[in-house]
Protein backbone atom coordinates (compact mmCIF):
# COMPACT_ATOMS: atom_id res chain seq x y z
CA UNK A 1 3.52 44.60 45.93
CA UNK A 2 3.47 43.61 41.75
CA UNK A 3 0.72 43.11 39.35
CA UNK A 4 0.02 39.37 40.72
CA UNK A 5 0.79 40.32 44.50
CA UNK A 6 3.09 38.42 46.81
CA UNK A 7 2.66 35.39 45.68
CA UNK A 8 5.41 32.80 44.76
CA UNK A 9 6.12 32.34 41.27
CA UNK A 10 5.23 28.95 39.59
CA UNK A 11 6.60 28.20 35.57
CA UNK A 12 4.23 27.92 32.78
CA UNK A 13 5.81 25.02 30.81
CA UNK A 14 4.81 21.93 28.88
CA UNK A 15 6.46 19.43 31.47
CA UNK A 16 5.73 16.50 29.72
CA UNK A 17 6.18 16.67 26.15
CA UNK A 18 5.47 13.85 24.34
CA UNK A 19 6.11 13.51 20.16
CA UNK A 20 2.41 11.43 20.08
CA UNK A 21 0.57 14.53 22.08
CA UNK A 22 -1.35 17.30 19.76
CA UNK A 23 -2.43 19.74 22.64
CA UNK A 24 -2.14 19.46 26.32
CA UNK A 25 -3.43 22.28 28.11
CA UNK A 26 -1.97 24.16 31.59
CA UNK A 27 -4.29 24.26 34.07
CA UNK A 28 -3.04 23.60 37.52
CA UNK A 29 -2.61 26.51 39.24
CA UNK A 30 -2.96 30.60 40.05
CA UNK A 31 -0.21 32.54 37.68
CA UNK A 32 1.50 34.26 40.47
CA UNK A 33 3.94 37.30 40.71
CA UNK A 34 7.04 36.60 38.75
CA UNK A 35 5.50 33.43 37.30
CA UNK A 36 7.30 32.94 33.89
CA UNK A 37 6.09 31.52 30.56
CA UNK A 38 8.49 28.80 28.93
CA UNK A 39 7.39 27.81 25.43
CA UNK A 40 10.48 25.30 23.22
CA UNK A 41 10.95 24.29 19.46
CA UNK A 42 7.89 22.70 17.79
CA UNK A 43 5.44 25.13 20.22
CA UNK A 44 2.98 27.65 20.37
CA UNK A 45 1.29 28.61 23.25
CA UNK A 46 -2.04 30.35 23.85
CA UNK A 47 -2.76 32.29 26.60
CA UNK A 48 -6.58 32.02 27.97
CA UNK A 49 -9.11 34.14 30.70
CA UNK A 50 -12.50 32.82 30.93
CA UNK A 51 -12.56 30.64 28.47
CA UNK A 52 -11.79 33.36 25.46
CA UNK A 53 -8.20 33.56 23.46
CA UNK A 54 -6.26 36.55 24.74
CA UNK A 55 -2.89 36.03 22.64
CA UNK A 56 -0.94 33.17 20.68
CA UNK A 57 2.74 33.53 21.21
CA UNK A 58 4.79 31.62 18.51
CA UNK A 59 8.66 32.32 19.59
CA UNK A 60 10.59 29.90 21.65
CA UNK A 61 12.07 30.99 25.01
CA UNK A 62 11.70 32.15 28.43
CA UNK A 63 8.99 34.76 29.12
CA UNK A 64 7.56 36.68 32.10
CA UNK A 65 4.38 37.13 32.45
CA UNK A 66 4.13 40.21 34.10
CA UNK A 67 6.63 42.22 31.83
CA UNK A 68 6.41 40.62 28.52
CA UNK A 69 2.79 38.65 28.61
CA UNK A 70 0.42 40.62 30.43
CA UNK A 71 1.35 43.98 27.95
CA UNK A 72 0.14 42.24 25.17
CA UNK A 73 -3.68 40.43 27.07
CA UNK A 74 -6.47 42.65 25.46
CA UNK A 75 -8.61 41.68 28.72
CA UNK A 76 -5.66 41.42 31.32
CA UNK A 77 -4.77 45.18 30.57
CA UNK A 78 -7.43 46.08 32.56
CA UNK A 79 -5.63 44.62 35.48
CA UNK A 80 -2.95 46.42 35.45
CA UNK A 81 -3.67 48.92 38.71
CA UNK A 82 -4.90 47.41 41.61
CA UNK A 83 -5.00 43.43 40.94
CA UNK A 84 -2.87 42.31 43.78
CA UNK A 85 -3.54 38.58 43.85
CA UNK A 86 -2.99 35.61 41.42
CA UNK A 87 -5.33 35.13 38.16
CA UNK A 88 -6.18 31.75 37.21
CA UNK A 89 -5.81 31.85 33.41
CA UNK A 90 -5.39 28.96 30.61
CA UNK A 91 -2.47 27.83 28.48
CA UNK A 92 -3.28 25.95 26.02
CA UNK A 93 -0.02 24.49 24.28
CA UNK A 94 0.00 23.23 20.76
CA UNK A 95 2.15 20.49 18.70
CA UNK A 96 2.92 22.83 15.45
CA UNK A 97 4.88 19.12 13.79
CA UNK A 98 2.82 17.78 10.97
CA UNK A 99 2.15 14.23 12.59
CA UNK A 100 2.63 10.66 10.43
CA UNK A 101 -0.02 8.43 11.55
CA UNK A 102 -0.32 4.70 10.45
CA UNK A 103 -3.85 2.95 9.45
CA UNK A 104 -6.46 -0.05 8.57
CA UNK A 105 -9.29 -1.42 7.62
CA UNK A 106 -11.13 -2.04 10.49
CA UNK A 107 -12.86 -4.32 8.43
CA UNK A 108 -12.87 -6.12 5.37
CA UNK A 109 -14.70 -4.27 2.76
CA UNK A 110 -17.01 -5.50 0.25
CA UNK A 111 -16.08 -4.01 -3.60
CA UNK A 112 -18.75 -4.87 -6.26
CA UNK A 113 -18.06 -7.21 -8.61
CA UNK A 114 -19.37 -9.73 -11.57
CA UNK A 115 -20.93 -12.90 -10.67
CA UNK A 116 -20.28 -11.99 -6.74
CA UNK A 117 -23.53 -10.77 -5.06
CA UNK A 118 -21.73 -9.59 -1.97
CA UNK A 119 -18.94 -7.75 -3.37
CA UNK A 120 -15.18 -8.40 -3.24
CA UNK A 121 -14.67 -8.59 0.29
CA UNK A 122 -10.65 -6.46 0.36
CA UNK A 123 -8.46 -4.89 3.15
CA UNK A 124 -6.32 -1.61 2.71
CA UNK A 125 -3.83 -0.22 4.98
CA UNK A 126 -1.30 2.85 4.36
CA UNK A 127 -0.09 5.76 6.31
CA UNK A 128 -1.33 9.59 6.48
CA UNK A 129 -0.39 12.88 7.27
CA UNK A 130 -1.97 15.98 9.57
CA UNK A 131 -1.00 18.87 11.54
CA UNK A 132 -3.24 21.44 13.82
CA UNK A 133 -4.08 24.09 11.55
CA UNK A 134 -7.81 26.29 12.81
CA UNK A 135 -7.00 27.15 16.53
CA UNK A 136 -10.53 28.85 17.16
CA UNK A 137 -11.68 25.69 16.04
CA UNK A 138 -9.73 23.36 17.93
CA UNK A 139 -10.33 25.21 21.55
CA UNK A 140 -14.50 25.46 20.62
CA UNK A 141 -14.84 21.35 19.38
CA UNK A 142 -11.77 19.81 21.63
CA UNK A 143 -9.58 21.76 23.86
CA UNK A 144 -12.78 23.05 26.15
CA UNK A 145 -13.98 19.35 27.30
CA UNK A 146 -10.38 17.75 26.93
CA UNK A 147 -6.89 18.66 28.57
CA UNK A 148 -5.19 17.17 25.86
CA UNK A 149 -5.80 15.37 22.64
CA UNK A 150 -3.21 12.69 21.05
CA UNK A 151 -2.33 10.97 17.42
CA UNK A 152 -4.60 8.07 18.46
CA UNK A 153 -7.53 10.50 19.22
CA UNK A 154 -7.02 11.70 15.58
CA UNK A 155 -6.19 7.78 14.32
CA UNK A 156 -9.83 6.96 15.95
CA UNK A 157 -11.59 9.94 14.07
CA UNK A 158 -10.12 9.00 10.70
CA UNK A 159 -10.28 5.53 10.76
CA UNK A 160 -14.10 5.54 11.58
CA UNK A 161 -14.93 7.18 8.72
CA UNK A 162 -11.64 5.77 6.03
CA UNK A 163 -14.18 2.14 5.34
CA UNK A 164 -17.09 4.48 3.62
CA UNK A 165 -14.47 7.06 1.68
CA UNK A 166 -12.42 3.87 0.66
CA UNK A 167 -15.74 2.12 -0.92
CA UNK A 168 -16.74 5.34 -2.42
CA UNK A 169 -13.47 6.10 -4.14
CA UNK A 170 -12.77 2.53 -5.15
CA UNK A 171 -16.38 2.56 -6.96
CA UNK A 172 -14.98 5.63 -8.48
CA UNK A 173 -11.55 5.19 -9.58
CA UNK A 174 -10.71 1.57 -9.04
CA UNK A 175 -11.67 0.38 -13.13
CA UNK A 176 -10.41 -3.03 -11.87
CA UNK A 177 -10.95 -4.96 -8.74
CA UNK A 178 -7.66 -6.25 -9.47
CA UNK A 179 -5.64 -3.35 -10.18
CA UNK A 180 -6.36 -1.38 -7.07
CA UNK A 181 -2.71 -0.85 -6.20
CA UNK A 182 -2.53 0.98 -9.93
CA UNK A 183 -5.05 3.62 -8.89
CA UNK A 184 -3.84 3.85 -5.75
CA UNK A 185 -2.67 7.48 -6.36
CA UNK A 186 -6.22 8.90 -7.43
CA UNK A 187 -8.03 6.63 -5.01
CA UNK A 188 -6.22 7.94 -1.86
CA UNK A 189 -6.15 12.08 -3.19
CA UNK A 190 -10.03 11.91 -3.27
CA UNK A 191 -10.12 10.13 0.05
CA UNK A 192 -7.00 12.87 1.43
CA UNK A 193 -9.65 15.41 0.33
CA UNK A 194 -13.12 14.38 1.44
CA UNK A 195 -11.02 13.67 5.12
CA UNK A 196 -9.61 16.77 5.15
CA UNK A 197 -13.35 18.65 4.99
CA UNK A 198 -14.32 16.61 8.02
CA UNK A 199 -10.71 17.16 10.06
CA UNK A 200 -11.19 20.57 9.78
CA UNK A 201 -14.32 21.12 11.28
CA UNK A 202 -12.20 20.48 14.47
CA UNK A 203 -8.95 23.12 13.46
CA UNK A 204 -6.72 19.53 11.76
CA UNK A 205 -5.72 19.74 8.44
CA UNK A 206 -4.71 16.10 6.67
CA UNK A 207 -2.04 16.68 4.66
CA UNK A 208 -1.49 13.73 2.99
CA UNK A 209 -3.08 9.84 2.35
CA UNK A 210 -1.07 7.33 1.30
CA UNK A 211 -2.39 3.55 0.60
CA UNK A 212 0.39 1.54 0.51
CA UNK A 213 -1.61 -1.65 0.17
CA UNK A 214 -4.54 -4.08 -0.50
CA UNK A 215 -4.89 -7.08 -0.14
CA UNK A 216 -7.47 -10.13 -1.27
CA UNK A 217 -9.10 -12.92 1.35
CA UNK A 218 -6.37 -16.40 0.29
CA UNK A 219 -8.33 -17.90 -1.78
CA UNK A 220 -8.39 -15.16 -5.02
CA UNK A 221 -4.35 -14.77 -3.71
CA UNK A 222 -4.50 -18.12 -4.76
CA UNK A 223 -6.40 -17.97 -8.07
CA UNK A 224 -4.50 -14.92 -8.95
CA UNK A 225 -1.17 -16.61 -8.54
CA UNK A 226 -2.32 -20.29 -10.64
CA UNK A 227 -3.96 -17.43 -13.55
CA UNK A 228 -0.43 -16.07 -13.62
CA UNK A 229 1.65 -19.42 -13.34
CA UNK A 230 -0.62 -20.67 -16.42
CA UNK A 231 -0.26 -17.86 -18.54
CA UNK A 232 3.27 -17.98 -18.15
CA UNK A 233 3.39 -21.43 -19.36
CA UNK A 234 1.08 -20.96 -22.48
CA UNK A 235 3.61 -18.00 -23.33
CA UNK A 236 6.99 -20.08 -23.01
CA UNK A 237 7.41 -19.81 -26.30
CA UNK A 238 6.52 -16.54 -26.85
CA UNK A 239 9.03 -15.76 -24.29
CA UNK A 240 12.15 -18.02 -25.84
CA UNK A 241 11.52 -15.91 -29.18
CA UNK A 242 11.48 -12.48 -27.62
CA UNK A 243 15.04 -13.58 -25.90
CA UNK A 244 16.29 -14.76 -28.65
CA UNK A 245 15.48 -11.66 -30.79
CA UNK A 246 16.27 -9.71 -28.05
CA UNK A 247 20.13 -10.76 -27.83
CA UNK A 248 20.50 -11.24 -31.67
CA UNK A 249 19.46 -6.90 -32.21
CA UNK A 250 22.48 -6.32 -29.36
CA UNK A 251 24.97 -8.46 -31.48
CA UNK A 252 24.98 -11.23 -28.65
CA UNK A 253 24.79 -14.05 -31.42
CA UNK A 254 26.86 -16.18 -29.23
CA UNK A 255 25.49 -15.94 -26.32
CA UNK A 256 25.14 -18.58 -23.68
CA UNK A 257 21.61 -17.27 -23.35
CA UNK A 258 20.48 -17.75 -26.97
CA UNK A 259 22.51 -20.85 -28.04
CA UNK A 260 20.64 -22.87 -24.72
CA UNK A 261 17.35 -21.41 -26.45
CA UNK A 262 18.62 -22.12 -29.80
CA UNK A 263 19.64 -25.34 -28.37
CA UNK A 264 16.27 -26.21 -26.89
CA UNK A 265 14.58 -25.78 -29.47
CA UNK A 266 16.77 -27.89 -32.29
CA UNK A 267 16.69 -30.75 -29.60
CA UNK A 268 12.50 -30.52 -29.66
CA UNK A 269 12.73 -30.87 -34.07
CA UNK A 270 15.21 -34.15 -33.23
CA UNK A 271 12.98 -35.84 -31.08
CA UNK A 272 9.85 -35.09 -33.16
CA UNK A 273 11.99 -36.27 -36.33
CA UNK A 274 13.08 -39.40 -33.73
CA UNK A 275 9.06 -40.17 -33.21
CA UNK A 276 8.35 -39.82 -36.89
CA UNK A 277 10.78 -42.46 -38.22
CA UNK A 278 9.73 -45.00 -35.48
CA UNK A 279 6.55 -44.47 -36.12
CA UNK A 280 7.20 -45.09 -39.94
CA UNK A 281 8.98 -48.55 -39.09
CA UNK A 282 6.31 -49.83 -37.20
CA UNK A 283 3.83 -49.07 -39.67
CA UNK A 284 5.74 -50.25 -42.25
CA UNK A 285 6.36 -53.50 -40.09
CA UNK A 286 2.99 -54.20 -39.29
CA UNK A 287 1.79 -53.99 -43.06
CA UNK A 288 4.32 -56.42 -43.82
CA UNK A 289 3.08 -59.11 -41.23
CA UNK A 290 -0.76 -57.80 -42.65
CA UNK A 291 0.46 -59.17 -45.95
CA UNK A 292 2.49 -62.81 -45.06
CA UNK A 293 -0.31 -63.59 -43.04
CA UNK A 294 -3.28 -62.97 -45.75
CA UNK A 295 -2.09 -66.48 -46.91
CA UNK A 296 -2.58 -65.90 -50.73
CA UNK A 297 0.86 -67.03 -51.76
CA UNK A 298 1.94 -64.09 -53.06
CA UNK A 299 5.21 -62.21 -51.93
CA UNK A 300 4.71 -59.11 -49.96
CA UNK A 301 6.64 -56.22 -50.15
CA UNK A 302 7.95 -56.34 -47.15
CA UNK A 303 9.95 -59.12 -44.66
CA UNK A 304 7.94 -59.81 -41.63
CA UNK A 305 10.28 -60.17 -40.16
CA UNK A 306 13.15 -57.42 -40.78
CA UNK A 307 10.65 -54.62 -42.13
CA UNK A 308 13.05 -54.97 -44.97
CA UNK A 309 11.79 -54.23 -48.76
CA UNK A 310 11.48 -57.97 -51.01
CA UNK A 311 11.21 -56.49 -54.17
CA UNK A 312 9.95 -59.83 -55.55
CA UNK A 313 12.33 -61.98 -54.00
CA UNK A 314 10.82 -65.23 -52.14
CA UNK A 315 13.58 -64.71 -49.49
CA UNK A 316 14.69 -61.83 -47.71
CA UNK A 317 17.87 -60.57 -48.82
CA UNK A 318 18.37 -59.01 -45.44
CA UNK A 319 17.94 -61.55 -42.71
CA UNK A 320 17.22 -64.95 -45.42
CA UNK A 321 13.29 -65.52 -44.19
CA UNK A 322 11.06 -66.71 -46.69
CA UNK A 323 8.44 -64.82 -47.90
CA UNK A 324 6.35 -67.22 -49.93
């Protein structure tokens, strides 16, 4: 007769190990004579008896319960003699890897903004990382009432807190509501520390918190784009001068960019000169016509027909029009 009698052996293992499960509890049957405990890579196994932790096993492999596990269990050593039946115990399998989880604000959150009594509504999303850190706290707070705990359970718990923490750290670090992305590292670090203080209570530590993007209402986004476009148009001349200066500094005095910009400037100057010349000619013609129509018999300074200077003659030397 062995420690567990003549009952059929069974295998204690995490049969349906999934990447999205943080821990899973084996408690299906009695542990019998010849039973084996199988621990795979990325797993720890916690042997529990009467609700207390008897041992934590971290080495992967297959282990015989009677000869390799029980000798290391404090309470069960007292049953070494005369214990001829199976025992009811639990084995908690822990996924030891670090989890990467996506998060996003459940609702738009309002941050203080000038001239907006209700604040500016924004949304945010990103990722965070976590892992099991304190087995005792995990068993006391979670494993005592749940058979398994998943990534979705952690995500739900984090998202329930993240909106308030965003408001707190945006107000503290987000100096400009339109430049939150520039302050996202400091905002994320503050949120990570606050989340870790809460999640460690259930045995899980938050190892990182990343804000990938902030989003504004569509009307605000369009307003930003329009302001950016107007700013670019207003600074166009400045951009042209800077581009020409950079090319000249690099020795690219004959580059296509410099030539194109110089050509644009010359074209604008020539156009202005032509406009000025036309305006002068029109003024001269108008003055001649006004003098010709005055009816005082004097010779006008300019021909009312073609605008040429008369030099006091009675007839235009250019077109022959009679001037008196």
